[in-house]
């Protein structure tokens, strides 16, 4: 049944149109998030992996451990993710977090970055 539904969705280019909409939305969110991070946190945050599609890495240079970064962000209402499970050959850098942007609504990005600024800069 699931395969049949997917096949119908793919007929007539509906799947392609859906993928294009998602990609456009993700690019828009990523660009807005990067703009706000630069304005709010400046040199405190260095980003990498911005072409990954749904997330990027942020090295936060404020002396906090990854656990402190995650906990302080969550306390301010922003969810970011740890990177330790992504590193296999060596320990994950303590100052790195992963920031996702595909699941946040575009109009909440500014508030989310403001929460990160409060969490990471005080």
PDB file of N, CA and C in Angstrom:
ATOM      1  N   UNK A   1       0.818  -1.194   0.000  1.00  0.00           N
ATOM      2  CA  UNK A   1       0.000   0.000   0.000  1.00  0.00           C
ATOM      3  C   UNK A   1       0.863   1.260   0.000  1.00  0.00           C
ATOM      4  N   UNK A   2       1.906   1.299   0.856  1.00  0.00           N
ATOM      5  CA  UNK A   2       2.768   2.478   0.942  1.00  0.00           C
ATOM      6  C   UNK A   2       3.465   2.747  -0.383  1.00  0.00           C
ATOM      7  N   UNK A   3       3.963   1.699  -1.027  1.00  0.00           N
ATOM      8  CA  UNK A   3       4.645   1.869  -2.315  1.00  0.00           C
ATOM      9  C   UNK A   3       3.691   2.396  -3.373  1.00  0.00           C
ATOM     10  N   UNK A   4       2.466   1.963  -3.343  1.00  0.00           N
ATOM     11  CA  UNK A   4       1.472   2.428  -4.306  1.00  0.00           C
ATOM     12  C   UNK A   4       1.187   3.914  -4.123  1.00  0.00           C
ATOM     13  N   UNK A   5       1.086   4.349  -2.881  1.00  0.00           N
ATOM     14  CA  UNK A   5       0.851   5.765  -2.590  1.00  0.00           C
ATOM     15  C   UNK A   5       2.037   6.598  -3.065  1.00  0.00           C
ATOM     16  N   UNK A   6       3.241   6.111  -2.788  1.00  0.00           N
ATOM     17  CA  UNK A   6       4.437   6.821  -3.226  1.00  0.00           C
ATOM     18  C   UNK A   6       4.499   6.888  -4.748  1.00  0.00           C
ATOM     19  N   UNK A   7       4.173   5.796  -5.411  1.00  0.00           N
ATOM     20  CA  UNK A   7       4.175   5.774  -6.881  1.00  0.00           C
ATOM     21  C   UNK A   7       3.193   6.801  -7.438  1.00  0.00           C
ATOM     22  N   UNK A   8       2.031   6.899  -6.852  1.00  0.00           N
ATOM     23  CA  UNK A   8       1.055   7.898  -7.313  1.00  0.00           C
ATOM     24  C   UNK A   8       1.565   9.320  -7.092  1.00  0.00           C
ATOM     25  N   UNK A   9       2.223   9.516  -5.951  1.00  0.00           N
ATOM     26  CA  UNK A   9       2.781  10.834  -5.649  1.00  0.00           C
ATOM     27  C   UNK A   9       3.850  11.216  -6.665  1.00  0.00           C
ATOM     28  N   UNK A  10       4.620  10.235  -7.109  1.00  0.00           N
ATOM     29  CA  UNK A  10       5.701  10.496  -8.050  1.00  0.00           C
ATOM     30  C   UNK A  10       5.202  10.719  -9.468  1.00  0.00           C
ATOM     31  N   UNK A  11       4.009  10.220  -9.774  1.00  0.00           N
ATOM     32  CA  UNK A  11       3.454  10.389 -11.123  1.00  0.00           C
ATOM     33  C   UNK A  11       3.227  11.867 -11.423  1.00  0.00           C
ATOM     34  N   UNK A  12       3.481  12.220 -12.624  1.00  0.00           N
ATOM     35  CA  UNK A  12       3.188  13.574 -13.072  1.00  0.00           C
ATOM     36  C   UNK A  12       4.086  14.650 -12.487  1.00  0.00           C
ATOM     37  N   UNK A  13       5.226  14.248 -11.918  1.00  0.00           N
ATOM     38  CA  UNK A  13       6.178  15.237 -11.431  1.00  0.00           C
ATOM     39  C   UNK A  13       5.871  15.807 -10.060  1.00  0.00           C
ATOM     40  N   UNK A  14       4.903  15.236  -9.350  1.00  0.00           N
ATOM     41  CA  UNK A  14       4.580  15.776  -8.026  1.00  0.00           C
ATOM     42  C   UNK A  14       5.725  15.595  -7.036  1.00  0.00           C
ATOM     43  N   UNK A  15       6.449  14.487  -7.128  1.00  0.00           N
ATOM     44  CA  UNK A  15       7.603  14.258  -6.254  1.00  0.00           C
ATOM     45  C   UNK A  15       8.683  15.298  -6.526  1.00  0.00           C
ATOM     46  N   UNK A  16       8.978  15.521  -7.789  1.00  0.00           N
ATOM     47  CA  UNK A  16       9.996  16.509  -8.164  1.00  0.00           C
ATOM     48  C   UNK A  16       9.624  17.902  -7.665  1.00  0.00           C
ATOM     49  N   UNK A  17       8.362  18.252  -7.812  1.00  0.00           N
ATOM     50  CA  UNK A  17       7.912  19.561  -7.345  1.00  0.00           C
ATOM     51  C   UNK A  17       8.060  19.668  -5.822  1.00  0.00           C
ATOM     52  N   UNK A  18       7.739  18.603  -5.128  1.00  0.00           N
ATOM     53  CA  UNK A  18       7.883  18.585  -3.666  1.00  0.00           C
ATOM     54  C   UNK A  18       9.344  18.770  -3.268  1.00  0.00           C
ATOM     55  N   UNK A  19      10.238  18.040  -3.905  1.00  0.00           N
ATOM     56  CA  UNK A  19      11.670  18.140  -3.590  1.00  0.00           C
ATOM     57  C   UNK A  19      12.172  19.558  -3.865  1.00  0.00           C
ATOM     58  N   UNK A  20      11.759  20.158  -4.970  1.00  0.00           N
ATOM     59  CA  UNK A  20      12.170  21.533  -5.277  1.00  0.00           C
ATOM     60  C   UNK A  20      11.677  22.515  -4.214  1.00  0.00           C
ATOM     61  N   UNK A  21      10.440  22.346  -3.744  1.00  0.00           N
ATOM     62  CA  UNK A  21       9.903  23.219  -2.695  1.00  0.00           C
ATOM     63  C   UNK A  21      10.702  23.079  -1.403  1.00  0.00           C
ATOM     64  N   UNK A  22      11.014  21.841  -1.030  1.00  0.00           N
ATOM     65  CA  UNK A  22      11.778  21.600   0.195  1.00  0.00           C
ATOM     66  C   UNK A  22      13.176  22.204   0.081  1.00  0.00           C
ATOM     67  N   UNK A  23      13.838  22.001  -1.047  1.00  0.00           N
ATOM     68  CA  UNK A  23      15.180  22.566  -1.238  1.00  0.00           C
ATOM     69  C   UNK A  23      15.162  24.090  -1.176  1.00  0.00           C
ATOM     70  N   UNK A  24      14.183  24.689  -1.797  1.00  0.00           N
ATOM     71  CA  UNK A  24      14.071  26.149  -1.784  1.00  0.00           C
ATOM     72  C   UNK A  24      13.827  26.651  -0.360  1.00  0.00           C
ATOM     73  N   UNK A  25      12.949  25.991   0.369  1.00  0.00           N
ATOM     74  CA  UNK A  25      12.670  26.374   1.746  1.00  0.00           C
ATOM     75  C   UNK A  25      13.914  26.224   2.624  1.00  0.00           C
ATOM     76  N   UNK A  26      14.630  25.114   2.457  1.00  0.00           N
ATOM     77  CA  UNK A  26      15.845  24.891   3.248  1.00  0.00           C
ATOM     78  C   UNK A  26      16.911  25.942   2.954  1.00  0.00           C
ATOM     79  N   UNK A  27      17.107  26.283   1.684  1.00  0.00           N
ATOM     80  CA  UNK A  27      18.082  27.327   1.330  1.00  0.00           C
ATOM     81  C   UNK A  27      17.697  28.663   1.953  1.00  0.00           C
ATOM     82  N   UNK A  28      16.434  28.983   1.876  1.00  0.00           N
ATOM     83  CA  UNK A  28      15.946  30.244   2.440  1.00  0.00           C
ATOM     84  C   UNK A  28      16.178  30.270   3.954  1.00  0.00           C
ATOM     85  N   UNK A  29      15.849  29.187   4.637  1.00  0.00           N
ATOM     86  CA  UNK A  29      16.066  29.117   6.087  1.00  0.00           C
ATOM     87  C   UNK A  29      17.549  29.194   6.428  1.00  0.00           C
ATOM     88  N   UNK A  30      18.371  28.456   5.674  1.00  0.00           N
ATOM     89  CA  UNK A  30      19.817  28.473   5.932  1.00  0.00           C
ATOM     90  C   UNK A  30      20.373  29.882   5.789  1.00  0.00           C
ATOM     91  N   UNK A  31      20.012  30.555   4.710  1.00  0.00           N
ATOM     92  CA  UNK A  31      20.524  31.898   4.467  1.00  0.00           C
ATOM     93  C   UNK A  31      20.082  32.872   5.562  1.00  0.00           C
ATOM     94  N   UNK A  32      18.843  32.765   5.984  1.00  0.00           N
ATOM     95  CA  UNK A  32      18.331  33.640   7.043  1.00  0.00           C
ATOM     96  C   UNK A  32      19.024  33.338   8.375  1.00  0.00           C
ATOM     97  N   UNK A  33      19.206  32.074   8.668  1.00  0.00           N
ATOM     98  CA  UNK A  33      19.880  31.665   9.897  1.00  0.00           C
ATOM     99  C   UNK A  33      21.318  32.167   9.921  1.00  0.00           C
ATOM    100  N   UNK A  34      22.037  32.010   8.826  1.00  0.00           N
ATOM    101  CA  UNK A  34      23.418  32.485   8.756  1.00  0.00           C
ATOM    102  C   UNK A  34      23.491  34.008   8.905  1.00  0.00           C
ATOM    103  N   UNK A  35      22.553  34.699   8.303  1.00  0.00           N
ATOM    104  CA  UNK A  35      22.516  36.167   8.407  1.00  0.00           C
ATOM    105  C   UNK A  35      22.323  36.590   9.863  1.00  0.00           C
ATOM    106  N   UNK A  36      21.379  35.972  10.545  1.00  0.00           N
ATOM    107  CA  UNK A  36      21.115  36.320  11.943  1.00  0.00           C
ATOM    108  C   UNK A  36      22.256  35.901  12.860  1.00  0.00           C
ATOM    109  N   UNK A  37      22.833  34.735  12.626  1.00  0.00           N
ATOM    110  CA  UNK A  37      23.973  34.307  13.445  1.00  0.00           C
ATOM    111  C   UNK A  37      25.120  35.307  13.334  1.00  0.00           C
ATOM    112  N   UNK A  38      25.399  35.749  12.121  1.00  0.00           N
ATOM    113  CA  UNK A  38      26.462  36.733  11.923  1.00  0.00           C
ATOM    114  C   UNK A  38      26.170  38.037  12.638  1.00  0.00           C
ATOM    115  N   UNK A  39      24.932  38.485  12.556  1.00  0.00           N
ATOM    116  CA  UNK A  39      24.556  39.752  13.185  1.00  0.00           C
ATOM    117  C   UNK A  39      24.520  39.652  14.704  1.00  0.00           C
ATOM    118  N   UNK A  40      24.042  38.550  15.236  1.00  0.00           N
ATOM    119  CA  UNK A  40      23.850  38.410  16.684  1.00  0.00           C
ATOM    120  C   UNK A  40      25.086  37.897  17.416  1.00  0.00           C
ATOM    121  N   UNK A  41      25.833  36.997  16.778  1.00  0.00           N
ATOM    122  CA  UNK A  41      26.943  36.349  17.480  1.00  0.00           C
ATOM    123  C   UNK A  41      28.305  36.624  16.856  1.00  0.00           C
ATOM    124  N   UNK A  42      28.330  37.172  15.666  1.00  0.00           N
ATOM    125  CA  UNK A  42      29.573  37.589  15.026  1.00  0.00           C
ATOM    126  C   UNK A  42      30.688  36.568  15.106  1.00  0.00           C
ATOM    127  N   UNK A  43      31.804  36.988  15.656  1.00  0.00           N
ATOM    128  CA  UNK A  43      33.008  36.155  15.732  1.00  0.00           C
ATOM    129  C   UNK A  43      32.914  35.043  16.784  1.00  0.00           C
ATOM    130  N   UNK A  44      31.881  35.073  17.606  1.00  0.00           N
ATOM    131  CA  UNK A  44      31.718  34.037  18.619  1.00  0.00           C
ATOM    132  C   UNK A  44      31.438  32.680  17.980  1.00  0.00           C
ATOM    133  N   UNK A  45      30.803  32.692  16.812  1.00  0.00           N
ATOM    134  CA  UNK A  45      30.424  31.450  16.133  1.00  0.00           C
ATOM    135  C   UNK A  45      31.064  31.388  14.753  1.00  0.00           C
ATOM    136  N   UNK A  46      31.728  30.271  14.478  1.00  0.00           N
ATOM    137  CA  UNK A  46      32.285  30.004  13.146  1.00  0.00           C
ATOM    138  C   UNK A  46      31.540  28.804  12.585  1.00  0.00           C
ATOM    139  N   UNK A  47      30.915  28.964  11.426  1.00  0.00           N
ATOM    140  CA  UNK A  47      30.116  27.887  10.846  1.00  0.00           C
ATOM    141  C   UNK A  47      30.887  27.159   9.755  1.00  0.00           C
ATOM    142  N   UNK A  48      30.524  25.900   9.578  1.00  0.00           N
ATOM    143  CA  UNK A  48      31.092  25.091   8.495  1.00  0.00           C
ATOM    144  C   UNK A  48      30.039  24.084   8.048  1.00  0.00           C
ATOM    145  N   UNK A  49      30.235  23.544   6.873  1.00  0.00           N
ATOM    146  CA  UNK A  49      29.296  22.557   6.352  1.00  0.00           C
ATOM    147  C   UNK A  49      27.955  23.140   5.967  1.00  0.00           C
ATOM    148  N   UNK A  50      27.962  24.364   5.478  1.00  0.00           N
ATOM    149  CA  UNK A  50      26.693  25.037   5.175  1.00  0.00           C
ATOM    150  C   UNK A  50      25.994  24.499   3.939  1.00  0.00           C
ATOM    151  N   UNK A  51      26.653  23.633   3.186  1.00  0.00           N
ATOM    152  CA  UNK A  51      26.018  23.052   2.002  1.00  0.00           C
ATOM    153  C   UNK A  51      25.480  21.651   2.257  1.00  0.00           C
ATOM    154  N   UNK A  52      25.339  21.279   3.524  1.00  0.00           N
ATOM    155  CA  UNK A  52      24.909  19.929   3.876  1.00  0.00           C
ATOM    156  C   UNK A  52      23.443  19.679   3.566  1.00  0.00           C
ATOM    157  N   UNK A  53      22.623  20.705   3.497  1.00  0.00           N
ATOM    158  CA  UNK A  53      21.222  20.520   3.147  1.00  0.00           C
ATOM    159  C   UNK A  53      20.239  20.842   4.247  1.00  0.00           C
ATOM    160  N   UNK A  54      20.416  20.268   5.448  1.00  0.00           N
ATOM    161  CA  UNK A  54      19.440  20.475   6.519  1.00  0.00           C
ATOM    162  C   UNK A  54      20.060  20.937   7.830  1.00  0.00           C
ATOM    163  N   UNK A  55      21.377  21.073   7.868  1.00  0.00           N
ATOM    164  CA  UNK A  55      22.068  21.486   9.085  1.00  0.00           C
ATOM    165  C   UNK A  55      23.465  21.976   8.729  1.00  0.00           C
ATOM    166  N   UNK A  56      24.119  22.571   9.707  1.00  0.00           N
ATOM    167  CA  UNK A  56      25.533  22.892   9.580  1.00  0.00           C
ATOM    168  C   UNK A  56      26.151  22.824  10.965  1.00  0.00           C
ATOM    169  N   UNK A  57      27.465  22.878  11.003  1.00  0.00           N
ATOM    170  CA  UNK A  57      28.188  22.847  12.269  1.00  0.00           C
ATOM    171  C   UNK A  57      28.547  24.262  12.682  1.00  0.00           C
ATOM    172  N   UNK A  58      28.533  24.483  13.982  1.00  0.00           N
ATOM    173  CA  UNK A  58      28.926  25.778  14.526  1.00  0.00           C
ATOM    174  C   UNK A  58      29.953  25.543  15.626  1.00  0.00           C
ATOM    175  N   UNK A  59      31.091  26.180  15.483  1.00  0.00           N
ATOM    176  CA  UNK A  59      32.104  26.171  16.539  1.00  0.00           C
ATOM    177  C   UNK A  59      31.870  27.439  17.351  1.00  0.00           C
ATOM    178  N   UNK A  60      31.504  27.259  18.606  1.00  0.00           N
ATOM    179  CA  UNK A  60      31.162  28.384  19.472  1.00  0.00           C
ATOM    180  C   UNK A  60      32.361  28.661  20.373  1.00  0.00           C
ATOM    181  N   UNK A  61      32.947  29.820  20.175  1.00  0.00           N
ATOM    182  CA  UNK A  61      34.165  30.189  20.904  1.00  0.00           C
ATOM    183  C   UNK A  61      33.827  31.090  22.090  1.00  0.00           C
ATOM    184  N   UNK A  62      33.328  30.446  23.144  1.00  0.00           N
ATOM    185  CA  UNK A  62      33.011  31.204  24.352  1.00  0.00           C
ATOM    186  C   UNK A  62      33.481  30.486  25.621  1.00  0.00           C
ATOM    187  N   UNK A  63      34.219  29.389  25.472  1.00  0.00           N
ATOM    188  CA  UNK A  63      34.745  28.662  26.617  1.00  0.00           C
ATOM    189  C   UNK A  63      33.830  27.592  27.179  1.00  0.00           C
ATOM    190  N   UNK A  64      32.613  27.478  26.657  1.00  0.00           N
ATOM    191  CA  UNK A  64      31.682  26.453  27.141  1.00  0.00           C
ATOM    192  C   UNK A  64      31.992  25.099  26.515  1.00  0.00           C
ATOM    193  N   UNK A  65      31.692  24.045  27.260  1.00  0.00           N
ATOM    194  CA  UNK A  65      31.777  22.698  26.698  1.00  0.00           C
ATOM    195  C   UNK A  65      30.546  22.450  25.833  1.00  0.00           C
ATOM    196  N   UNK A  66      30.601  21.398  25.052  1.00  0.00           N
ATOM    197  CA  UNK A  66      29.456  21.077  24.218  1.00  0.00           C
ATOM    198  C   UNK A  66      28.201  20.863  25.070  1.00  0.00           C
ATOM    199  N   UNK A  67      28.356  20.166  26.168  1.00  0.00           N
ATOM    200  CA  UNK A  67      27.202  19.936  27.049  1.00  0.00           C
ATOM    201  C   UNK A  67      26.627  21.264  27.553  1.00  0.00           C
ATOM    202  N   UNK A  68      27.486  22.183  27.949  1.00  0.00           N
ATOM    203  CA  UNK A  68      27.027  23.494  28.420  1.00  0.00           C
ATOM    204  C   UNK A  68      26.348  24.274  27.301  1.00  0.00           C
ATOM    205  N   UNK A  69      26.883  24.176  26.086  1.00  0.00           N
ATOM    206  CA  UNK A  69      26.263  24.850  24.943  1.00  0.00           C
ATOM    207  C   UNK A  69      24.853  24.313  24.700  1.00  0.00           C
ATOM    208  N   UNK A  70      24.722  22.998  24.717  1.00  0.00           N
ATOM    209  CA  UNK A  70      23.419  22.370  24.477  1.00  0.00           C
ATOM    210  C   UNK A  70      22.422  22.731  25.571  1.00  0.00           C
ATOM    211  N   UNK A  71      22.858  22.630  26.819  1.00  0.00           N
ATOM    212  CA  UNK A  71      21.960  22.889  27.947  1.00  0.00           C
ATOM    213  C   UNK A  71      21.546  24.357  28.030  1.00  0.00           C
ATOM    214  N   UNK A  72      22.484  25.263  27.810  1.00  0.00           N
ATOM    215  CA  UNK A  72      22.142  26.683  27.895  1.00  0.00           C
ATOM    216  C   UNK A  72      21.220  27.092  26.748  1.00  0.00           C
ATOM    217  N   UNK A  73      21.437  26.536  25.562  1.00  0.00           N
ATOM    218  CA  UNK A  73      20.546  26.826  24.432  1.00  0.00           C
ATOM    219  C   UNK A  73      19.134  26.329  24.736  1.00  0.00           C
ATOM    220  N   UNK A  74      19.030  25.109  25.227  1.00  0.00           N
ATOM    221  CA  UNK A  74      17.722  24.539  25.537  1.00  0.00           C
ATOM    222  C   UNK A  74      17.020  25.344  26.637  1.00  0.00           C
ATOM    223  N   UNK A  75      17.776  25.804  27.625  1.00  0.00           N
ATOM    224  CA  UNK A  75      17.196  26.614  28.704  1.00  0.00           C
ATOM    225  C   UNK A  75      16.600  27.916  28.168  1.00  0.00           C
ATOM    226  N   UNK A  76      17.133  28.407  27.054  1.00  0.00           N
ATOM    227  CA  UNK A  76      16.619  29.630  26.434  1.00  0.00           C
ATOM    228  C   UNK A  76      15.567  29.347  25.365  1.00  0.00           C
ATOM    229  N   UNK A  77      15.266  28.063  25.148  1.00  0.00           N
ATOM    230  CA  UNK A  77      14.220  27.700  24.191  1.00  0.00           C
ATOM    231  C   UNK A  77      14.704  27.371  22.795  1.00  0.00           C
ATOM    232  N   UNK A  78      16.007  27.178  22.625  1.00  0.00           N
ATOM    233  CA  UNK A  78      16.558  26.835  21.309  1.00  0.00           C
ATOM    234  C   UNK A  78      17.164  25.436  21.381  1.00  0.00           C
ATOM    235  N   UNK A  79      16.897  24.620  20.392  1.00  0.00           N
ATOM    236  CA  UNK A  79      17.446  23.265  20.385  1.00  0.00           C
ATOM    237  C   UNK A  79      18.538  23.176  19.325  1.00  0.00           C
ATOM    238  N   UNK A  80      19.725  22.812  19.777  1.00  0.00           N
ATOM    239  CA  UNK A  80      20.843  22.496  18.901  1.00  0.00           C
ATOM    240  C   UNK A  80      21.303  21.091  19.277  1.00  0.00           C
ATOM    241  N   UNK A  81      22.158  20.513  18.489  1.00  0.00           N
ATOM    242  CA  UNK A  81      22.482  19.102  18.652  1.00  0.00           C
ATOM    243  C   UNK A  81      23.973  18.893  18.873  1.00  0.00           C
ATOM    244  N   UNK A  82      24.281  17.877  19.648  1.00  0.00           N
ATOM    245  CA  UNK A  82      25.667  17.499  19.880  1.00  0.00           C
ATOM    246  C   UNK A  82      26.264  16.836  18.658  1.00  0.00           C
ATOM    247  N   UNK A  83      27.577  16.827  18.612  1.00  0.00           N
ATOM    248  CA  UNK A  83      28.259  16.256  17.445  1.00  0.00           C
ATOM    249  C   UNK A  83      29.068  15.012  17.774  1.00  0.00           C
ATOM    250  N   UNK A  84      29.100  14.610  19.023  1.00  0.00           N
ATOM    251  CA  UNK A  84      29.980  13.499  19.405  1.00  0.00           C
ATOM    252  C   UNK A  84      29.664  12.219  18.646  1.00  0.00           C
ATOM    253  N   UNK A  85      28.417  11.975  18.313  1.00  0.00           N
ATOM    254  CA  UNK A  85      28.083  10.747  17.570  1.00  0.00           C
ATOM    255  C   UNK A  85      28.524  10.808  16.102  1.00  0.00           C
ATOM    256  N   UNK A  86      28.908  11.989  15.641  1.00  0.00           N
ATOM    257  CA  UNK A  86      29.354  12.156  14.254  1.00  0.00           C
ATOM    258  C   UNK A  86      30.849  11.920  14.087  1.00  0.00           C
ATOM    259  N   UNK A  87      31.583  11.873  15.177  1.00  0.00           N
ATOM    260  CA  UNK A  87      33.032  11.746  15.133  1.00  0.00           C
ATOM    261  C   UNK A  87      33.415  10.339  15.565  1.00  0.00           C
ATOM    262  N   UNK A  88      34.119   9.639  14.709  1.00  0.00           N
ATOM    263  CA  UNK A  88      34.472   8.256  15.013  1.00  0.00           C
ATOM    264  C   UNK A  88      35.964   8.066  15.281  1.00  0.00           C
ATOM    265  N   UNK A  89      36.789   8.730  14.526  1.00  0.00           N
ATOM    266  CA  UNK A  89      38.224   8.476  14.612  1.00  0.00           C
ATOM    267  C   UNK A  89      38.915   9.256  15.719  1.00  0.00           C
ATOM    268  N   UNK A  90      38.269  10.303  16.203  1.00  0.00           N
ATOM    269  CA  UNK A  90      38.841  11.103  17.288  1.00  0.00           C
ATOM    270  C   UNK A  90      37.683  11.760  18.051  1.00  0.00           C
ATOM    271  N   UNK A  91      37.952  12.262  19.241  1.00  0.00           N
ATOM    272  CA  UNK A  91      36.882  12.914  20.012  1.00  0.00           C
ATOM    273  C   UNK A  91      36.352  14.163  19.293  1.00  0.00           C
ATOM    274  N   UNK A  92      35.079  14.400  19.441  1.00  0.00           N
ATOM    275  CA  UNK A  92      34.457  15.579  18.835  1.00  0.00           C
ATOM    276  C   UNK A  92      34.990  16.840  19.508  1.00  0.00           C
ATOM    277  N   UNK A  93      35.200  17.901  18.738  1.00  0.00           N
ATOM    278  CA  UNK A  93      35.609  19.165  19.347  1.00  0.00           C
ATOM    279  C   UNK A  93      34.554  19.624  20.355  1.00  0.00           C
ATOM    280  N   UNK A  94      34.988  20.024  21.513  1.00  0.00           N
ATOM    281  CA  UNK A  94      34.074  20.411  22.592  1.00  0.00           C
ATOM    282  C   UNK A  94      33.195  21.611  22.237  1.00  0.00           C
ATOM    283  N   UNK A  95      33.704  22.495  21.404  1.00  0.00           N
ATOM    284  CA  UNK A  95      32.953  23.724  21.122  1.00  0.00           C
ATOM    285  C   UNK A  95      31.993  23.593  19.947  1.00  0.00           C
ATOM    286  N   UNK A  96      31.917  22.410  19.342  1.00  0.00           N
ATOM    287  CA  UNK A  96      31.061  22.234  18.167  1.00  0.00           C
ATOM    288  C   UNK A  96      29.656  21.783  18.523  1.00  0.00           C
ATOM    289  N   UNK A  97      28.688  22.361  17.838  1.00  0.00           N
ATOM    290  CA  UNK A  97      27.303  21.908  17.881  1.00  0.00           C
ATOM    291  C   UNK A  97      26.792  21.856  16.458  1.00  0.00           C
ATOM    292  N   UNK A  98      25.699  21.154  16.276  1.00  0.00           N
ATOM    293  CA  UNK A  98      25.064  21.083  14.975  1.00  0.00           C
ATOM    294  C   UNK A  98      23.755  21.865  15.062  1.00  0.00           C
ATOM    295  N   UNK A  99      23.529  22.713  14.082  1.00  0.00           N
ATOM    296  CA  UNK A  99      22.313  23.525  14.041  1.00  0.00           C
ATOM    297  C   UNK A  99      21.507  23.121  12.820  1.00  0.00           C
ATOM    298  N   UNK A 100      20.307  22.637  13.054  1.00  0.00           N
ATOM    299  CA  UNK A 100      19.407  22.264  11.971  1.00  0.00           C
ATOM    300  C   UNK A 100      18.522  23.430  11.586  1.00  0.00           C
ATOM    301  N   UNK A 101      18.103  23.453  10.318  1.00  0.00           N
ATOM    302  CA  UNK A 101      17.265  24.564   9.869  1.00  0.00           C
ATOM    303  C   UNK A 101      16.096  24.131   9.009  1.00  0.00           C
ATOM    304  N   UNK A 102      15.919  22.839   8.795  1.00  0.00           N
ATOM    305  CA  UNK A 102      14.824  22.417   7.922  1.00  0.00           C
ATOM    306  C   UNK A 102      13.484  22.340   8.646  1.00  0.00           C
ATOM    307  N   UNK A 103      13.490  22.154   9.955  1.00  0.00           N
ATOM    308  CA  UNK A 103      12.242  21.964  10.693  1.00  0.00           C
ATOM    309  C   UNK A 103      11.744  23.233  11.372  1.00  0.00           C
ATOM    310  N   UNK A 104      12.507  24.312  11.306  1.00  0.00           N
ATOM    311  CA  UNK A 104      12.076  25.555  11.952  1.00  0.00           C
ATOM    312  C   UNK A 104      11.322  26.407  10.939  1.00  0.00           C
ATOM    313  N   UNK A 105      10.251  27.038  11.386  1.00  0.00           N
ATOM    314  CA  UNK A 105       9.537  27.920  10.467  1.00  0.00           C
ATOM    315  C   UNK A 105      10.358  29.197  10.276  1.00  0.00           C
ATOM    316  N   UNK A 106      10.322  29.702   9.074  1.00  0.00           N
ATOM    317  CA  UNK A 106      11.155  30.836   8.682  1.00  0.00           C
ATOM    318  C   UNK A 106      10.972  32.033   9.619  1.00  0.00           C
ATOM    319  N   UNK A 107       9.747  32.279  10.047  1.00  0.00           N
ATOM    320  CA  UNK A 107       9.474  33.451  10.875  1.00  0.00           C
ATOM    321  C   UNK A 107       9.927  33.284  12.330  1.00  0.00           C
ATOM    322  N   UNK A 108      10.448  32.135  12.703  1.00  0.00           N
ATOM    323  CA  UNK A 108      10.938  31.918  14.071  1.00  0.00           C
ATOM    324  C   UNK A 108      12.467  31.939  14.162  1.00  0.00           C
ATOM    325  N   UNK A 109      13.140  32.089  13.041  1.00  0.00           N
ATOM    326  CA  UNK A 109      14.604  32.038  13.025  1.00  0.00           C
ATOM    327  C   UNK A 109      15.216  33.166  13.850  1.00  0.00           C
ATOM    328  N   UNK A 110      14.739  34.369  13.687  1.00  0.00           N
ATOM    329  CA  UNK A 110      15.295  35.503  14.436  1.00  0.00           C
ATOM    330  C   UNK A 110      15.162  35.277  15.941  1.00  0.00           C
ATOM    331  N   UNK A 111      14.013  34.783  16.376  1.00  0.00           N
ATOM    332  CA  UNK A 111      13.820  34.502  17.802  1.00  0.00           C
ATOM    333  C   UNK A 111      14.753  33.389  18.274  1.00  0.00           C
ATOM    334  N   UNK A 112      14.946  32.375  17.442  1.00  0.00           N
ATOM    335  CA  UNK A 112      15.845  31.277  17.803  1.00  0.00           C
ATOM    336  C   UNK A 112      17.278  31.737  17.957  1.00  0.00           C
ATOM    337  N   UNK A 113      17.737  32.579  17.064  1.00  0.00           N
ATOM    338  CA  UNK A 113      19.107  33.083  17.152  1.00  0.00           C
ATOM    339  C   UNK A 113      19.252  34.028  18.343  1.00  0.00           C
ATOM    340  N   UNK A 114      18.233  34.808  18.635  1.00  0.00           N
ATOM    341  CA  UNK A 114      18.271  35.667  19.822  1.00  0.00           C
ATOM    342  C   UNK A 114      18.403  34.806  21.085  1.00  0.00           C
ATOM    343  N   UNK A 115      17.709  33.660  21.104  1.00  0.00           N
ATOM    344  CA  UNK A 115      17.828  32.733  22.245  1.00  0.00           C
ATOM    345  C   UNK A 115      19.252  32.194  22.344  1.00  0.00           C
ATOM    346  N   UNK A 116      19.867  31.872  21.210  1.00  0.00           N
ATOM    347  CA  UNK A 116      21.263  31.396  21.231  1.00  0.00           C
ATOM    348  C   UNK A 116      22.206  32.488  21.720  1.00  0.00           C
ATOM    349  N   UNK A 117      21.955  33.712  21.317  1.00  0.00           N
ATOM    350  CA  UNK A 117      22.796  34.824  21.794  1.00  0.00           C
ATOM    351  C   UNK A 117      22.700  34.945  23.312  1.00  0.00           C
ATOM    352  N   UNK A 118      21.485  34.870  23.853  1.00  0.00           N
ATOM    353  CA  UNK A 118      21.322  34.944  25.312  1.00  0.00           C
ATOM    354  C   UNK A 118      22.028  33.769  26.005  1.00  0.00           C
ATOM    355  N   UNK A 119      21.920  32.598  25.406  1.00  0.00           N
ATOM    356  CA  UNK A 119      22.512  31.397  26.003  1.00  0.00           C
ATOM    357  C   UNK A 119      24.028  31.420  25.944  1.00  0.00           C
ATOM    358  N   UNK A 120      24.577  31.911  24.868  1.00  0.00           N
ATOM    359  CA  UNK A 120      26.018  31.778  24.639  1.00  0.00           C
ATOM    360  C   UNK A 120      26.810  33.048  24.904  1.00  0.00           C
ATOM    361  N   UNK A 121      26.125  34.158  25.008  1.00  0.00           N
ATOM    362  CA  UNK A 121      26.829  35.420  25.292  1.00  0.00           C
ATOM    363  C   UNK A 121      26.375  36.066  26.577  1.00  0.00           C
ATOM    364  N   UNK A 122      25.202  35.673  27.055  1.00  0.00           N
ATOM    365  CA  UNK A 122      24.690  36.262  28.293  1.00  0.00           C
ATOM    366  C   UNK A 122      23.978  37.568  28.082  1.00  0.00           C
TER     367      UNK A 122
END
